[in-house]
Amino acid sequence: MKTFDKKIVMPAGGVKMLMQACSVGQAAVYNALSYKSNSEQAKRIRSRAIAEFGGKRINKSVEAVL
């Protein structure tokens, strides 16, 4: 059974610029972009990633193990 996980991918250098723009660390950005965090800060990071830094939302296919 396949499921889909959301993720935002960034162009080269985008994560570093996003870290500086949002004044957060690398872990906060990666957790937000992989939807492991859903706080208000994570929502702002995802929004800015797409709107200002060229991030693209994708659905990655994951094989579910039962």
PDB file of N, CA and C in Angstrom:
ATOM      1  N   MET A   1       0.846  -1.173   0.000  1.00  0.00           N
ATOM      2  CA  MET A   1       0.000   0.000   0.000  1.00  0.00           C
ATOM      3  C   MET A   1       0.894   1.239   0.000  1.00  0.00           C
ATOM      4  N   LYS A   2       0.662   2.114  -0.940  1.00  0.00           N
ATOM      5  CA  LYS A   2       1.463   3.328  -1.025  1.00  0.00           C
ATOM      6  C   LYS A   2       0.734   4.481  -0.347  1.00  0.00           C
ATOM      7  N   THR A   3       1.498   5.278   0.355  1.00  0.00           N
ATOM      8  CA  THR A   3       0.982   6.508   0.923  1.00  0.00           C
ATOM      9  C   THR A   3       1.875   7.639   0.431  1.00  0.00           C
ATOM     10  N   PHE A   4       1.445   8.859   0.663  1.00  0.00           N
ATOM     11  CA  PHE A   4       2.215  10.010   0.211  1.00  0.00           C
ATOM     12  C   PHE A   4       2.519  10.933   1.379  1.00  0.00           C
ATOM     13  N   ASP A   5       3.767  11.365   1.444  1.00  0.00           N
ATOM     14  CA  ASP A   5       4.197  12.326   2.447  1.00  0.00           C
ATOM     15  C   ASP A   5       4.489  13.646   1.752  1.00  0.00           C
ATOM     16  N   LYS A   6       4.060  14.733   2.372  1.00  0.00           N
ATOM     17  CA  LYS A   6       4.340  16.060   1.826  1.00  0.00           C
ATOM     18  C   LYS A   6       5.759  16.451   2.192  1.00  0.00           C
ATOM     19  N   LYS A   7       6.359  17.273   1.345  1.00  0.00           N
ATOM     20  CA  LYS A   7       7.705  17.771   1.589  1.00  0.00           C
ATOM     21  C   LYS A   7       7.901  19.006   0.717  1.00  0.00           C
ATOM     22  N   ILE A   8       8.731  19.916   1.159  1.00  0.00           N
ATOM     23  CA  ILE A   8       9.090  21.076   0.348  1.00  0.00           C
ATOM     24  C   ILE A   8      10.567  20.965   0.031  1.00  0.00           C
ATOM     25  N   VAL A   9      10.900  21.006  -1.245  1.00  0.00           N
ATOM     26  CA  VAL A   9      12.292  20.956  -1.672  1.00  0.00           C
ATOM     27  C   VAL A   9      12.739  22.368  -2.027  1.00  0.00           C
ATOM     28  N   MET A  10      13.996  22.643  -1.725  1.00  0.00           N
ATOM     29  CA  MET A  10      14.552  23.976  -1.930  1.00  0.00           C
ATOM     30  C   MET A  10      15.670  23.930  -2.954  1.00  0.00           C
ATOM     31  N   PRO A  11      15.869  25.018  -3.710  1.00  0.00           N
ATOM     32  CA  PRO A  11      17.022  25.083  -4.605  1.00  0.00           C
ATOM     33  C   PRO A  11      18.312  25.202  -3.794  1.00  0.00           C
ATOM     34  N   ALA A  12      19.426  24.987  -4.447  1.00  0.00           N
ATOM     35  CA  ALA A  12      20.730  25.058  -3.787  1.00  0.00           C
ATOM     36  C   ALA A  12      20.899  26.406  -3.086  1.00  0.00           C
ATOM     37  N   GLY A  13      21.299  26.369  -1.830  1.00  0.00           N
ATOM     38  CA  GLY A  13      21.515  27.578  -1.048  1.00  0.00           C
ATOM     39  C   GLY A  13      20.259  28.145  -0.418  1.00  0.00           C
ATOM     40  N   GLY A  14      19.110  27.612  -0.753  1.00  0.00           N
ATOM     41  CA  GLY A  14      17.851  28.139  -0.260  1.00  0.00           C
ATOM     42  C   GLY A  14      17.650  27.948   1.232  1.00  0.00           C
ATOM     43  N   VAL A  15      18.110  26.808   1.748  1.00  0.00           N
ATOM     44  CA  VAL A  15      17.938  26.532   3.182  1.00  0.00           C
ATOM     45  C   VAL A  15      18.734  27.535   4.008  1.00  0.00           C
ATOM     46  N   LYS A  16      19.948  27.804   3.590  1.00  0.00           N
ATOM     47  CA  LYS A  16      20.795  28.753   4.329  1.00  0.00           C
ATOM     48  C   LYS A  16      20.180  30.154   4.324  1.00  0.00           C
ATOM     49  N   MET A  17      19.670  30.584   3.177  1.00  0.00           N
ATOM     50  CA  MET A  17      19.038  31.905   3.100  1.00  0.00           C
ATOM     51  C   MET A  17      17.773  31.944   3.943  1.00  0.00           C
ATOM     52  N   LEU A  18      17.026  30.857   3.951  1.00  0.00           N
ATOM     53  CA  LEU A  18      15.800  30.765   4.746  1.00  0.00           C
ATOM     54  C   LEU A  18      16.121  30.805   6.234  1.00  0.00           C
ATOM     55  N   MET A  19      17.200  30.147   6.639  1.00  0.00           N
ATOM     56  CA  MET A  19      17.635  30.182   8.039  1.00  0.00           C
ATOM     57  C   MET A  19      17.924  31.614   8.481  1.00  0.00           C
ATOM     58  N   GLN A  20      18.629  32.345   7.649  1.00  0.00           N
ATOM     59  CA  GLN A  20      18.981  33.722   7.976  1.00  0.00           C
ATOM     60  C   GLN A  20      17.748  34.624   7.986  1.00  0.00           C
ATOM     61  N   ALA A  21      16.873  34.453   7.003  1.00  0.00           N
ATOM     62  CA  ALA A  21      15.690  35.312   6.895  1.00  0.00           C
ATOM     63  C   ALA A  21      14.728  35.098   8.057  1.00  0.00           C
ATOM     64  N   CYS A  22      14.618  33.858   8.540  1.00  0.00           N
ATOM     65  CA  CYS A  22      13.677  33.540   9.614  1.00  0.00           C
ATOM     66  C   CYS A  22      14.339  33.527  10.988  1.00  0.00           C
ATOM     67  N   SER A  23      15.644  33.728  11.032  1.00  0.00           N
ATOM     68  CA  SER A  23      16.414  33.717  12.290  1.00  0.00           C
ATOM     69  C   SER A  23      16.201  32.427  13.073  1.00  0.00           C
ATOM     70  N   VAL A  24      16.341  31.304  12.373  1.00  0.00           N
ATOM     71  CA  VAL A  24      16.190  29.990  12.992  1.00  0.00           C
ATOM     72  C   VAL A  24      17.375  29.117  12.597  1.00  0.00           C
ATOM     73  N   GLY A  25      17.510  28.002  13.269  1.00  0.00           N
ATOM     74  CA  GLY A  25      18.585  27.070  12.983  1.00  0.00           C
ATOM     75  C   GLY A  25      18.220  26.101  11.870  1.00  0.00           C
ATOM     76  N   GLN A  26      19.216  25.321  11.483  1.00  0.00           N
ATOM     77  CA  GLN A  26      19.047  24.367  10.401  1.00  0.00           C
ATOM     78  C   GLN A  26      17.992  23.309  10.735  1.00  0.00           C
ATOM     79  N   ALA A  27      17.987  22.830  11.963  1.00  0.00           N
ATOM     80  CA  ALA A  27      17.023  21.798  12.361  1.00  0.00           C
ATOM     81  C   ALA A  27      15.590  22.301  12.230  1.00  0.00           C
ATOM     82  N   ALA A  28      15.342  23.551  12.612  1.00  0.00           N
ATOM     83  CA  ALA A  28      13.991  24.110  12.518  1.00  0.00           C
ATOM     84  C   ALA A  28      13.527  24.160  11.064  1.00  0.00           C
ATOM     85  N   VAL A  29      14.426  24.536  10.158  1.00  0.00           N
ATOM     86  CA  VAL A  29      14.067  24.619   8.744  1.00  0.00           C
ATOM     87  C   VAL A  29      13.790  23.225   8.187  1.00  0.00           C
ATOM     88  N   TYR A  30      14.681  22.279   8.443  1.00  0.00           N
ATOM     89  CA  TYR A  30      14.484  20.932   7.911  1.00  0.00           C
ATOM     90  C   TYR A  30      13.230  20.272   8.481  1.00  0.00           C
ATOM     91  N   ASN A  31      12.954  20.459   9.757  1.00  0.00           N
ATOM     92  CA  ASN A  31      11.739  19.894  10.348  1.00  0.00           C
ATOM     93  C   ASN A  31      10.485  20.523   9.758  1.00  0.00           C
ATOM     94  N   ALA A  32      10.534  21.817   9.510  1.00  0.00           N
ATOM     95  CA  ALA A  32       9.383  22.499   8.911  1.00  0.00           C
ATOM     96  C   ALA A  32       9.176  22.044   7.470  1.00  0.00           C
ATOM     97  N   LEU A  33      10.237  21.956   6.689  1.00  0.00           N
ATOM     98  CA  LEU A  33      10.115  21.595   5.277  1.00  0.00           C
ATOM     99  C   LEU A  33       9.682  20.146   5.076  1.00  0.00           C
ATOM    100  N   SER A  34       9.975  19.296   6.045  1.00  0.00           N
ATOM    101  CA  SER A  34       9.562  17.892   5.940  1.00  0.00           C
ATOM    102  C   SER A  34       8.264  17.627   6.691  1.00  0.00           C
ATOM    103  N   TYR A  35       7.614  18.678   7.173  1.00  0.00           N
ATOM    104  CA  TYR A  35       6.339  18.606   7.892  1.00  0.00           C
ATOM    105  C   TYR A  35       6.427  17.765   9.162  1.00  0.00           C
ATOM    106  N   LYS A  36       7.610  17.690   9.763  1.00  0.00           N
ATOM    107  CA  LYS A  36       7.748  17.014  11.052  1.00  0.00           C
ATOM    108  C   LYS A  36       7.315  17.938  12.185  1.00  0.00           C
ATOM    109  N   SER A  37       7.285  19.225  11.899  1.00  0.00           N
ATOM    110  CA  SER A  37       6.843  20.231  12.853  1.00  0.00           C
ATOM    111  C   SER A  37       5.675  20.990  12.236  1.00  0.00           C
ATOM    112  N   ASN A  38       4.699  21.339  13.053  1.00  0.00           N
ATOM    113  CA  ASN A  38       3.541  22.060  12.536  1.00  0.00           C
ATOM    114  C   ASN A  38       3.203  23.264  13.416  1.00  0.00           C
ATOM    115  N   SER A  39       4.215  23.855  14.035  1.00  0.00           N
ATOM    116  CA  SER A  39       4.005  25.030  14.869  1.00  0.00           C
ATOM    117  C   SER A  39       3.753  26.253  13.985  1.00  0.00           C
ATOM    118  N   GLU A  40       3.413  27.359  14.606  1.00  0.00           N
ATOM    119  CA  GLU A  40       3.228  28.607  13.849  1.00  0.00           C
ATOM    120  C   GLU A  40       4.519  29.001  13.143  1.00  0.00           C
ATOM    121  N   GLN A  41       5.643  28.817  13.824  1.00  0.00           N
ATOM    122  CA  GLN A  41       6.943  29.138  13.228  1.00  0.00           C
ATOM    123  C   GLN A  41       7.190  28.250  12.001  1.00  0.00           C
ATOM    124  N   ALA A  42       6.884  26.972  12.096  1.00  0.00           N
ATOM    125  CA  ALA A  42       7.072  26.060  10.971  1.00  0.00           C
ATOM    126  C   ALA A  42       6.182  26.453   9.791  1.00  0.00           C
ATOM    127  N   LYS A  43       4.973  26.873  10.073  1.00  0.00           N
ATOM    128  CA  LYS A  43       4.067  27.316   9.011  1.00  0.00           C
ATOM    129  C   LYS A  43       4.618  28.545   8.309  1.00  0.00           C
ATOM    130  N   ARG A  44       5.193  29.480   9.090  1.00  0.00           N
ATOM    131  CA  ARG A  44       5.802  30.675   8.488  1.00  0.00           C
ATOM    132  C   ARG A  44       7.009  30.296   7.634  1.00  0.00           C
ATOM    133  N   ILE A  45       7.824  29.369   8.121  1.00  0.00           N
ATOM    134  CA  ILE A  45       8.999  28.924   7.364  1.00  0.00           C
ATOM    135  C   ILE A  45       8.566  28.320   6.035  1.00  0.00           C
ATOM    136  N   ARG A  46       7.570  27.444   6.044  1.00  0.00           N
ATOM    137  CA  ARG A  46       7.084  26.821   4.807  1.00  0.00           C
ATOM    138  C   ARG A  46       6.518  27.859   3.851  1.00  0.00           C
ATOM    139  N   SER A  47       5.759  28.794   4.382  1.00  0.00           N
ATOM    140  CA  SER A  47       5.169  29.838   3.550  1.00  0.00           C
ATOM    141  C   SER A  47       6.245  30.683   2.870  1.00  0.00           C
ATOM    142  N   ARG A  48       7.242  31.096   3.630  1.00  0.00           N
ATOM    143  CA  ARG A  48       8.327  31.910   3.060  1.00  0.00           C
ATOM    144  C   ARG A  48       9.174  31.098   2.091  1.00  0.00           C
ATOM    145  N   ALA A  49       9.366  29.824   2.382  1.00  0.00           N
ATOM    146  CA  ALA A  49      10.155  28.972   1.496  1.00  0.00           C
ATOM    147  C   ALA A  49       9.537  28.937   0.097  1.00  0.00           C
ATOM    148  N   ILE A  50       8.227  28.826   0.039  1.00  0.00           N
ATOM    149  CA  ILE A  50       7.540  28.753  -1.250  1.00  0.00           C
ATOM    150  C   ILE A  50       7.439  30.129  -1.900  1.00  0.00           C
ATOM    151  N   ALA A  51       7.046  31.137  -1.130  1.00  0.00           N
ATOM    152  CA  ALA A  51       6.783  32.465  -1.689  1.00  0.00           C
ATOM    153  C   ALA A  51       8.051  33.240  -2.065  1.00  0.00           C
ATOM    154  N   GLU A  52       9.112  33.103  -1.262  1.00  0.00           N
ATOM    155  CA  GLU A  52      10.271  33.976  -1.442  1.00  0.00           C
ATOM    156  C   GLU A  52      11.543  33.266  -1.893  1.00  0.00           C
ATOM    157  N   PHE A  53      11.650  31.973  -1.657  1.00  0.00           N
ATOM    158  CA  PHE A  53      12.934  31.306  -1.882  1.00  0.00           C
ATOM    159  C   PHE A  53      12.878  30.157  -2.880  1.00  0.00           C
ATOM    160  N   GLY A  54      11.834  30.068  -3.656  1.00  0.00           N
ATOM    161  CA  GLY A  54      11.770  29.094  -4.741  1.00  0.00           C
ATOM    162  C   GLY A  54      11.507  27.662  -4.322  1.00  0.00           C
ATOM    163  N   GLY A  55      10.950  27.457  -3.140  1.00  0.00           N
ATOM    164  CA  GLY A  55      10.633  26.110  -2.695  1.00  0.00           C
ATOM    165  C   GLY A  55       9.457  25.539  -3.470  1.00  0.00           C
ATOM    166  N   LYS A  56       9.480  24.229  -3.670  1.00  0.00           N
ATOM    167  CA  LYS A  56       8.413  23.539  -4.391  1.00  0.00           C
ATOM    168  C   LYS A  56       7.843  22.446  -3.506  1.00  0.00           C
ATOM    169  N   ARG A  57       6.527  22.407  -3.378  1.00  0.00           N
ATOM    170  CA  ARG A  57       5.859  21.377  -2.591  1.00  0.00           C
ATOM    171  C   ARG A  57       5.728  20.115  -3.434  1.00  0.00           C
ATOM    172  N   ILE A  58       6.121  18.985  -2.879  1.00  0.00           N
ATOM    173  CA  ILE A  58       6.010  17.714  -3.582  1.00  0.00           C
ATOM    174  C   ILE A  58       5.343  16.693  -2.670  1.00  0.00           C
ATOM    175  N   ASN A  59       4.831  15.658  -3.260  1.00  0.00           N
ATOM    176  CA  ASN A  59       4.327  14.504  -2.527  1.00  0.00           C
ATOM    177  C   ASN A  59       5.253  13.350  -2.863  1.00  0.00           C
ATOM    178  N   LYS A  60       5.916  12.806  -1.870  1.00  0.00           N
ATOM    179  CA  LYS A  60       6.791  11.673  -2.133  1.00  0.00           C
ATOM    180  C   LYS A  60       6.049  10.390  -1.767  1.00  0.00           C
ATOM    181  N   SER A  61       6.198   9.412  -2.609  1.00  0.00           N
ATOM    182  CA  SER A  61       5.527   8.140  -2.419  1.00  0.00           C
ATOM    183  C   SER A  61       6.298   7.300  -1.405  1.00  0.00           C
ATOM    184  N   VAL A  62       5.563   6.724  -0.466  1.00  0.00           N
ATOM    185  CA  VAL A  62       6.170   5.900   0.571  1.00  0.00           C
ATOM    186  C   VAL A  62       5.435   4.573   0.599  1.00  0.00           C
ATOM    187  N   GLU A  63       6.189   3.485   0.579  1.00  0.00           N
ATOM    188  CA  GLU A  63       5.589   2.158   0.662  1.00  0.00           C
ATOM    189  C   GLU A  63       5.314   1.831   2.114  1.00  0.00           C
ATOM    190  N   ALA A  64       4.062   1.647   2.458  1.00  0.00           N
ATOM    191  CA  ALA A  64       3.662   1.350   3.838  1.00  0.00           C
ATOM    192  C   ALA A  64       3.961  -0.106   4.147  1.00  0.00           C
ATOM    193  N   VAL A  65       4.535  -0.342   5.315  1.00  0.00           N
ATOM    194  CA  VAL A  65       4.835  -1.695   5.758  1.00  0.00           C
ATOM    195  C   VAL A  65       3.800  -2.095   6.799  1.00  0.00           C
ATOM    196  N   LEU A  66       3.120  -3.177   6.552  1.00  0.00           N
ATOM    197  CA  LEU A  66       2.079  -3.637   7.462  1.00  0.00           C
ATOM    198  C   LEU A  66       2.542  -4.826   8.252  1.00  0.00           C
TER     199      LEU A  66
END
